[in-house]
Amino acid sequence: MIEADQKICESLSACSQSIDCDCLTVHTAADAMRLCRFIWFNLLLIDIELPDLDGFRLAQRLQPFGVPILFIAPELELSDRLRCFELGAAAILNKPLEMAELRSWLKAVLRRSEYMAKQISMGDVTIHFSKRRVWKDGKEVSLTQTEYLLFGILLRNPNTVMPRETLLRLVWGYEPFNSSRLIDTHIAKLRKKLGLQNEIRTVYKAGYRLDLQAENTARPPAL
């Protein structure tokens, strides 16, 4: 739950606990980005009005993680409501929040997320997100934290060019010094460990793309 107001956070937490749902609460977009890099979430509640980055831009940055979103917002203009749904919102909950409505939405989205695969396979390679483990030919492959994050993001977004800037922001949280050489090194190691030299493509002056054939990939169903 990404919400700036402490009192609303307390209400949100109490509501989630009433349906036996574990939750983590942060107050800034920066903290949300850090958590999403390392934890598999079933649902995100995002306040549109955050102190460091508005909820629209945060949701856009988190899209590659493929997590369902509920937006929390004051009454929005139609254009902003449409923007929320374009960003993949399951629903928009208006302030002041009605706890009964929130509870119903939490149950509905979490019930659907139970049927989402917690792992994705491509050929002989499988990544299990909640366990943070990867297998090839039935044998576990030891990936560094950075390699795991890179592979997870590419695998959630197959056949899509992922810009270097996006990967750097999602994996490192910022653009590190000499970032071009750094990301090239990690991609090269990932290709070698998983035998994906042909599948993980370098797109000139654009970024990286994981080329997959649909029949060789098991992906989480869309909500």
C-alpha atoms as a PDB file:
ATOM      1  CA  MET A   1       0.000   0.000   0.000  1.00  0.00           C
ATOM      2  CA  ILE A   2       1.517   3.293  -1.112  1.00  0.00           C
ATOM      3  CA  GLU A   3      -0.272   6.046   0.801  1.00  0.00           C
ATOM      4  CA  ALA A   4       1.088   9.318   2.180  1.00  0.00           C
ATOM      5  CA  ASP A   5      -1.527   9.897   4.893  1.00  0.00           C
ATOM      6  CA  GLN A   6      -0.764   8.004   8.112  1.00  0.00           C
ATOM      7  CA  LYS A   7      -4.411   7.834   9.248  1.00  0.00           C
ATOM      8  CA  ILE A   8      -5.507   6.392   5.911  1.00  0.00           C
ATOM      9  CA  CYS A   9      -2.655   3.882   6.149  1.00  0.00           C
ATOM     10  CA  GLU A  10      -3.965   2.694   9.486  1.00  0.00           C
ATOM     11  CA  SER A  11      -7.463   2.246   8.042  1.00  0.00           C
ATOM     12  CA  LEU A  12      -6.100   0.392   5.014  1.00  0.00           C
ATOM     13  CA  SER A  13      -4.031  -1.917   7.186  1.00  0.00           C
ATOM     14  CA  ALA A  14      -6.977  -2.686   9.460  1.00  0.00           C
ATOM     15  CA  CYS A  15      -9.154  -3.424   6.434  1.00  0.00           C
ATOM     16  CA  SER A  16      -6.603  -5.823   4.932  1.00  0.00           C
ATOM     17  CA  GLN A  17      -6.120  -7.580   8.261  1.00  0.00           C
ATOM     18  CA  SER A  18      -9.880  -8.097   8.530  1.00  0.00           C
ATOM     19  CA  ILE A  19      -9.691 -10.420   5.508  1.00  0.00           C
ATOM     20  CA  ASP A  20      -6.464 -12.104   6.676  1.00  0.00           C
ATOM     21  CA  CYS A  21      -4.362 -10.309   4.091  1.00  0.00           C
ATOM     22  CA  ASP A  22      -0.745  -9.472   4.882  1.00  0.00           C
ATOM     23  CA  CYS A  23       0.296  -6.021   3.724  1.00  0.00           C
ATOM     24  CA  LEU A  24       3.259  -3.678   3.681  1.00  0.00           C
ATOM     25  CA  THR A  25       2.682   0.066   3.814  1.00  0.00           C
ATOM     26  CA  VAL A  26       5.015   2.784   2.524  1.00  0.00           C
ATOM     27  CA  HIS A  27       4.526   6.520   2.165  1.00  0.00           C
ATOM     28  CA  THR A  28       6.581   7.403  -0.912  1.00  0.00           C
ATOM     29  CA  ALA A  29       6.975   6.248  -4.499  1.00  0.00           C
ATOM     30  CA  ALA A  30      10.704   5.737  -3.944  1.00  0.00           C
ATOM     31  CA  ASP A  31      10.060   3.231  -1.149  1.00  0.00           C
ATOM     32  CA  ALA A  32       7.475   1.452  -3.298  1.00  0.00           C
ATOM     33  CA  MET A  33       9.967   1.088  -6.137  1.00  0.00           C
ATOM     34  CA  ARG A  34      12.553  -0.391  -3.778  1.00  0.00           C
ATOM     35  CA  LEU A  35      10.121  -2.952  -2.364  1.00  0.00           C
ATOM     36  CA  CYS A  36       8.793  -4.036  -5.758  1.00  0.00           C
ATOM     37  CA  ARG A  37      12.315  -4.848  -6.879  1.00  0.00           C
ATOM     38  CA  PHE A  38      12.627  -7.561  -4.231  1.00  0.00           C
ATOM     39  CA  ILE A  39       9.148  -8.759  -3.225  1.00  0.00           C
ATOM     40  CA  TRP A  40       6.419 -10.497  -5.250  1.00  0.00           C
ATOM     41  CA  PHE A  41       3.118  -8.697  -4.579  1.00  0.00           C
ATOM     42  CA  ASN A  42      -0.390  -9.846  -5.463  1.00  0.00           C
ATOM     43  CA  LEU A  43      -1.831  -6.327  -5.430  1.00  0.00           C
ATOM     44  CA  LEU A  44      -0.780  -2.689  -5.121  1.00  0.00           C
ATOM     45  CA  LEU A  45      -2.911   0.107  -3.665  1.00  0.00           C
ATOM     46  CA  ILE A  46      -1.522   3.386  -4.970  1.00  0.00           C
ATOM     47  CA  ASP A  47      -2.504   6.838  -3.791  1.00  0.00           C
ATOM     48  CA  ILE A  48      -2.571   9.291  -6.701  1.00  0.00           C
ATOM     49  CA  GLU A  49      -1.254  12.072  -4.436  1.00  0.00           C
ATOM     50  CA  LEU A  50       2.226  11.077  -3.245  1.00  0.00           C
ATOM     51  CA  PRO A  51       4.876  13.528  -1.993  1.00  0.00           C
ATOM     52  CA  ASP A  52       7.709  12.549  -4.364  1.00  0.00           C
ATOM     53  CA  LEU A  53       5.979  11.256  -7.516  1.00  0.00           C
ATOM     54  CA  ASP A  54       2.333  11.181  -8.519  1.00  0.00           C
ATOM     55  CA  GLY A  55       0.577   7.837  -8.591  1.00  0.00           C
ATOM     56  CA  PHE A  56       0.195   7.885 -12.373  1.00  0.00           C
ATOM     57  CA  ARG A  57       3.935   7.983 -12.987  1.00  0.00           C
ATOM     58  CA  LEU A  58       4.603   5.438 -10.237  1.00  0.00           C
ATOM     59  CA  ALA A  59       2.120   3.002 -11.799  1.00  0.00           C
ATOM     60  CA  GLN A  60       3.751   3.511 -15.187  1.00  0.00           C
ATOM     61  CA  ARG A  61       7.172   2.692 -13.754  1.00  0.00           C
ATOM     62  CA  LEU A  62       5.828  -0.411 -12.002  1.00  0.00           C
ATOM     63  CA  GLN A  63       4.008  -1.792 -15.064  1.00  0.00           C
ATOM     64  CA  PRO A  64       6.873  -4.160 -16.022  1.00  0.00           C
ATOM     65  CA  PHE A  65       6.342  -6.026 -12.719  1.00  0.00           C
ATOM     66  CA  GLY A  66       2.829  -7.023 -13.839  1.00  0.00           C
ATOM     67  CA  VAL A  67       1.058  -6.472 -10.492  1.00  0.00           C
ATOM     68  CA  PRO A  68      -2.690  -5.557 -10.365  1.00  0.00           C
ATOM     69  CA  ILE A  69      -3.367  -2.012  -9.111  1.00  0.00           C
ATOM     70  CA  LEU A  70      -6.126  -0.300  -7.153  1.00  0.00           C
ATOM     71  CA  PHE A  71      -5.865   3.487  -7.278  1.00  0.00           C
ATOM     72  CA  ILE A  72      -6.884   5.659  -4.332  1.00  0.00           C
ATOM     73  CA  ALA A  73      -7.799   9.165  -5.412  1.00  0.00           C
ATOM     74  CA  PRO A  74     -10.032  12.179  -4.872  1.00  0.00           C
ATOM     75  CA  GLU A  75     -12.823  12.641  -7.417  1.00  0.00           C
ATOM     76  CA  LEU A  76     -11.069  12.572 -10.790  1.00  0.00           C
ATOM     77  CA  GLU A  77     -11.854  14.108 -14.137  1.00  0.00           C
ATOM     78  CA  LEU A  78     -12.820  11.637 -16.851  1.00  0.00           C
ATOM     79  CA  SER A  79      -9.438  12.040 -18.581  1.00  0.00           C
ATOM     80  CA  ASP A  80      -7.604  11.075 -15.375  1.00  0.00           C
ATOM     81  CA  ARG A  81      -9.921   8.126 -14.772  1.00  0.00           C
ATOM     82  CA  LEU A  82      -9.234   6.879 -18.279  1.00  0.00           C
ATOM     83  CA  ARG A  83      -5.526   7.338 -17.643  1.00  0.00           C
ATOM     84  CA  CYS A  84      -5.794   5.087 -14.571  1.00  0.00           C
ATOM     85  CA  PHE A  85      -7.374   2.298 -16.592  1.00  0.00           C
ATOM     86  CA  GLU A  86      -4.825   2.723 -19.390  1.00  0.00           C
ATOM     87  CA  LEU A  87      -2.192   2.059 -16.705  1.00  0.00           C
ATOM     88  CA  GLY A  88      -3.885  -1.222 -15.840  1.00  0.00           C
ATOM     89  CA  ALA A  89      -6.041  -0.243 -12.858  1.00  0.00           C
ATOM     90  CA  ALA A  90      -8.467  -2.886 -11.606  1.00  0.00           C
ATOM     91  CA  ALA A  91     -10.487  -0.081  -9.978  1.00  0.00           C
ATOM     92  CA  ILE A  92     -10.361   3.503  -8.717  1.00  0.00           C
ATOM     93  CA  LEU A  93     -11.482   4.062  -5.123  1.00  0.00           C
ATOM     94  CA  ASN A  94     -12.504   7.609  -4.238  1.00  0.00           C
ATOM     95  CA  LYS A  95     -11.561   9.417  -1.051  1.00  0.00           C
ATOM     96  CA  PRO A  96     -12.938   9.357   1.544  1.00  0.00           C
ATOM     97  CA  LEU A  97     -12.679   5.583   1.341  1.00  0.00           C
ATOM     98  CA  GLU A  98     -15.609   3.320   2.081  1.00  0.00           C
ATOM     99  CA  MET A  99     -14.073   0.377   3.920  1.00  0.00           C
ATOM    100  CA  ALA A 100     -16.805  -2.053   2.838  1.00  0.00           C
ATOM    101  CA  GLU A 101     -16.107  -1.215  -0.818  1.00  0.00           C
ATOM    102  CA  LEU A 102     -12.352  -1.505  -0.303  1.00  0.00           C
ATOM    103  CA  ARG A 103     -12.781  -4.866   1.415  1.00  0.00           C
ATOM    104  CA  SER A 104     -14.863  -6.156  -1.515  1.00  0.00           C
ATOM    105  CA  TRP A 105     -12.287  -5.005  -4.070  1.00  0.00           C
ATOM    106  CA  LEU A 106      -9.427  -6.524  -2.095  1.00  0.00           C
ATOM    107  CA  LYS A 107     -11.212  -9.865  -1.966  1.00  0.00           C
ATOM    108  CA  ALA A 108     -12.088  -9.758  -5.665  1.00  0.00           C
ATOM    109  CA  VAL A 109      -8.617  -8.884  -6.958  1.00  0.00           C
ATOM    110  CA  LEU A 110      -6.802 -11.198  -4.557  1.00  0.00           C
ATOM    111  CA  ARG A 111      -9.148 -14.030  -5.458  1.00  0.00           C
ATOM    112  CA  ARG A 112      -8.244 -13.556  -9.130  1.00  0.00           C
ATOM    113  CA  SER A 113      -4.562 -13.322  -8.307  1.00  0.00           C
ATOM    114  CA  GLU A 114      -4.710 -16.794  -6.724  1.00  0.00           C
ATOM    115  CA  TYR A 115      -5.050 -18.147 -10.243  1.00  0.00           C
ATOM    116  CA  MET A 116      -2.076 -16.197 -11.601  1.00  0.00           C
ATOM    117  CA  ALA A 117       0.995 -18.321 -12.110  1.00  0.00           C
ATOM    118  CA  LYS A 118       3.719 -17.619  -9.605  1.00  0.00           C
ATOM    119  CA  GLN A 119       6.182 -19.009 -12.085  1.00  0.00           C
ATOM    120  CA  ILE A 120       6.844 -18.596 -15.798  1.00  0.00           C
ATOM    121  CA  SER A 121       8.561 -21.124 -18.045  1.00  0.00           C
ATOM    122  CA  MET A 122      10.231 -20.717 -21.408  1.00  0.00           C
ATOM    123  CA  GLY A 123      11.529 -23.896 -22.947  1.00  0.00           C
ATOM    124  CA  ASP A 124      13.762 -25.597 -20.374  1.00  0.00           C
ATOM    125  CA  VAL A 125      14.092 -22.480 -18.162  1.00  0.00           C
ATOM    126  CA  THR A 126      11.670 -21.738 -15.296  1.00  0.00           C
ATOM    127  CA  ILE A 127      11.621 -18.795 -12.905  1.00  0.00           C
ATOM    128  CA  HIS A 128       9.623 -19.009  -9.662  1.00  0.00           C
ATOM    129  CA  PHE A 129       8.898 -15.466  -8.502  1.00  0.00           C
ATOM    130  CA  SER A 130       7.780 -16.028  -4.925  1.00  0.00           C
ATOM    131  CA  LYS A 131      10.704 -18.382  -4.218  1.00  0.00           C
ATOM    132  CA  ARG A 132      13.135 -16.230  -6.243  1.00  0.00           C
ATOM    133  CA  ARG A 133      14.674 -19.329  -7.841  1.00  0.00           C
ATOM    134  CA  VAL A 134      15.494 -20.319 -11.421  1.00  0.00           C
ATOM    135  CA  TRP A 135      15.869 -23.777 -12.981  1.00  0.00           C
ATOM    136  CA  LYS A 136      17.285 -24.968 -16.313  1.00  0.00           C
ATOM    137  CA  ASP A 137      16.807 -28.553 -17.479  1.00  0.00           C
ATOM    138  CA  GLY A 138      15.429 -29.319 -14.004  1.00  0.00           C
ATOM    139  CA  LYS A 139      18.584 -28.098 -12.261  1.00  0.00           C
ATOM    140  CA  GLU A 140      18.670 -24.929 -10.191  1.00  0.00           C
ATOM    141  CA  VAL A 141      20.809 -22.131 -11.611  1.00  0.00           C
ATOM    142  CA  SER A 142      22.556 -19.784  -9.205  1.00  0.00           C
ATOM    143  CA  LEU A 143      21.784 -16.219 -10.271  1.00  0.00           C
ATOM    144  CA  THR A 144      22.910 -13.069  -8.538  1.00  0.00           C
ATOM    145  CA  GLN A 145      20.221 -10.735  -7.270  1.00  0.00           C
ATOM    146  CA  THR A 146      20.812  -8.421 -10.233  1.00  0.00           C
ATOM    147  CA  GLU A 147      20.679 -11.250 -12.783  1.00  0.00           C
ATOM    148  CA  TYR A 148      17.471 -12.563 -11.232  1.00  0.00           C
ATOM    149  CA  LEU A 149      15.798  -9.146 -11.400  1.00  0.00           C
ATOM    150  CA  LEU A 150      16.874  -8.575 -14.999  1.00  0.00           C
ATOM    151  CA  PHE A 151      15.616 -11.980 -16.108  1.00  0.00           C
ATOM    152  CA  GLY A 152      12.321 -11.607 -14.238  1.00  0.00           C
ATOM    153  CA  ILE A 153      11.590  -8.257 -15.880  1.00  0.00           C
ATOM    154  CA  LEU A 154      12.485  -9.509 -19.373  1.00  0.00           C
ATOM    155  CA  LEU A 155      10.416 -12.667 -18.893  1.00  0.00           C
ATOM    156  CA  ARG A 156       7.364 -10.718 -17.746  1.00  0.00           C
ATOM    157  CA  ASN A 157       7.640  -8.550 -20.860  1.00  0.00           C
ATOM    158  CA  PRO A 158       8.496 -10.952 -23.710  1.00  0.00           C
ATOM    159  CA  ASN A 159       9.010  -9.730 -27.278  1.00  0.00           C
ATOM    160  CA  THR A 160       9.097  -6.165 -25.948  1.00  0.00           C
ATOM    161  CA  VAL A 161      12.059  -3.833 -26.144  1.00  0.00           C
ATOM    162  CA  MET A 162      12.971  -2.826 -22.593  1.00  0.00           C
ATOM    163  CA  PRO A 163      14.903   0.464 -22.684  1.00  0.00           C
ATOM    164  CA  ARG A 164      18.166   0.557 -20.795  1.00  0.00           C
ATOM    165  CA  GLU A 165      16.862   3.445 -18.685  1.00  0.00           C
ATOM    166  CA  THR A 166      13.848   1.371 -17.592  1.00  0.00           C
ATOM    167  CA  LEU A 167      15.952  -1.649 -16.658  1.00  0.00           C
ATOM    168  CA  LEU A 168      18.441   0.502 -14.762  1.00  0.00           C
ATOM    169  CA  ARG A 169      15.676   2.213 -12.799  1.00  0.00           C
ATOM    170  CA  LEU A 170      13.864  -1.042 -11.969  1.00  0.00           C
ATOM    171  CA  VAL A 171      16.943  -3.072 -11.026  1.00  0.00           C
ATOM    172  CA  TRP A 172      19.216  -0.482  -9.438  1.00  0.00           C
ATOM    173  CA  GLY A 173      16.660   2.182  -8.523  1.00  0.00           C
ATOM    174  CA  TYR A 174      18.842   4.839 -10.148  1.00  0.00           C
ATOM    175  CA  GLU A 175      21.290   5.181 -13.027  1.00  0.00           C
ATOM    176  CA  PRO A 176      24.665   3.989 -11.721  1.00  0.00           C
ATOM    177  CA  PHE A 177      28.026   5.288 -12.883  1.00  0.00           C
ATOM    178  CA  ASN A 178      29.148   3.816 -16.221  1.00  0.00           C
ATOM    179  CA  SER A 179      25.729   2.178 -16.488  1.00  0.00           C
ATOM    180  CA  SER A 180      26.075   1.017 -20.100  1.00  0.00           C
ATOM    181  CA  ARG A 181      29.025  -1.270 -19.363  1.00  0.00           C
ATOM    182  CA  LEU A 182      27.425  -2.432 -16.104  1.00  0.00           C
ATOM    183  CA  ILE A 183      24.174  -3.630 -17.649  1.00  0.00           C
ATOM    184  CA  ASP A 184      25.968  -5.205 -20.644  1.00  0.00           C
ATOM    185  CA  THR A 185      28.089  -7.248 -18.236  1.00  0.00           C
ATOM    186  CA  HIS A 186      25.088  -8.573 -16.323  1.00  0.00           C
ATOM    187  CA  ILE A 187      23.167  -9.405 -19.495  1.00  0.00           C
ATOM    188  CA  ALA A 188      26.180 -11.301 -20.866  1.00  0.00           C
ATOM    189  CA  LYS A 189      26.416 -13.395 -17.681  1.00  0.00           C
ATOM    190  CA  LEU A 190      22.673 -14.064 -17.741  1.00  0.00           C
ATOM    191  CA  ARG A 191      22.815 -15.261 -21.342  1.00  0.00           C
ATOM    192  CA  LYS A 192      25.664 -17.632 -20.560  1.00  0.00           C
ATOM    193  CA  LYS A 193      24.167 -19.114 -17.382  1.00  0.00           C
ATOM    194  CA  LEU A 194      20.765 -19.785 -18.965  1.00  0.00           C
ATOM    195  CA  GLY A 195      21.916 -20.597 -22.494  1.00  0.00           C
ATOM    196  CA  LEU A 196      19.851 -17.731 -23.917  1.00  0.00           C
ATOM    197  CA  GLN A 197      22.435 -16.163 -26.206  1.00  0.00           C
ATOM    198  CA  ASN A 198      19.957 -16.097 -29.100  1.00  0.00           C
ATOM    199  CA  GLU A 199      16.826 -15.260 -27.108  1.00  0.00           C
ATOM    200  CA  ILE A 200      18.052 -12.202 -25.189  1.00  0.00           C
ATOM    201  CA  ARG A 201      18.620  -9.677 -27.957  1.00  0.00           C
ATOM    202  CA  THR A 202      20.468  -6.392 -27.874  1.00  0.00           C
ATOM    203  CA  VAL A 203      18.410  -3.818 -29.776  1.00  0.00           C
ATOM    204  CA  TYR A 204      20.794  -1.183 -31.120  1.00  0.00           C
ATOM    205  CA  LYS A 205      20.461   2.159 -29.314  1.00  0.00           C
ATOM    206  CA  ALA A 206      17.204   0.982 -27.713  1.00  0.00           C
ATOM    207  CA  GLY A 207      17.724  -1.703 -25.042  1.00  0.00           C
ATOM    208  CA  TYR A 208      17.106  -5.433 -24.712  1.00  0.00           C
ATOM    209  CA  ARG A 209      14.379  -7.782 -25.873  1.00  0.00           C
ATOM    210  CA  LEU A 210      13.598 -11.372 -24.865  1.00  0.00           C
ATOM    211  CA  ASP A 211      12.415 -13.140 -28.017  1.00  0.00           C
ATOM    212  CA  LEU A 212       9.951 -15.924 -27.276  1.00  0.00           C
ATOM    213  CA  GLN A 213       7.606 -18.089 -29.268  1.00  0.00           C
ATOM    214  CA  ALA A 214       4.151 -18.146 -27.674  1.00  0.00           C
ATOM    215  CA  GLU A 215       3.953 -21.944 -27.682  1.00  0.00           C
ATOM    216  CA  ASN A 216       7.176 -22.192 -25.683  1.00  0.00           C
ATOM    217  CA  THR A 217       6.090 -19.864 -22.912  1.00  0.00           C
ATOM    218  CA  ALA A 218       3.727 -20.294 -19.956  1.00  0.00           C
ATOM    219  CA  ARG A 219       2.696 -16.849 -18.707  1.00  0.00           C
ATOM    220  CA  PRO A 220       0.329 -15.676 -15.958  1.00  0.00           C
ATOM    221  CA  PRO A 221      -3.200 -15.211 -17.324  1.00  0.00           C
ATOM    222  CA  ALA A 222      -4.381 -11.632 -17.759  1.00  0.00           C
ATOM    223  CA  LEU A 223      -6.741 -10.260 -15.145  1.00  0.00           C
END
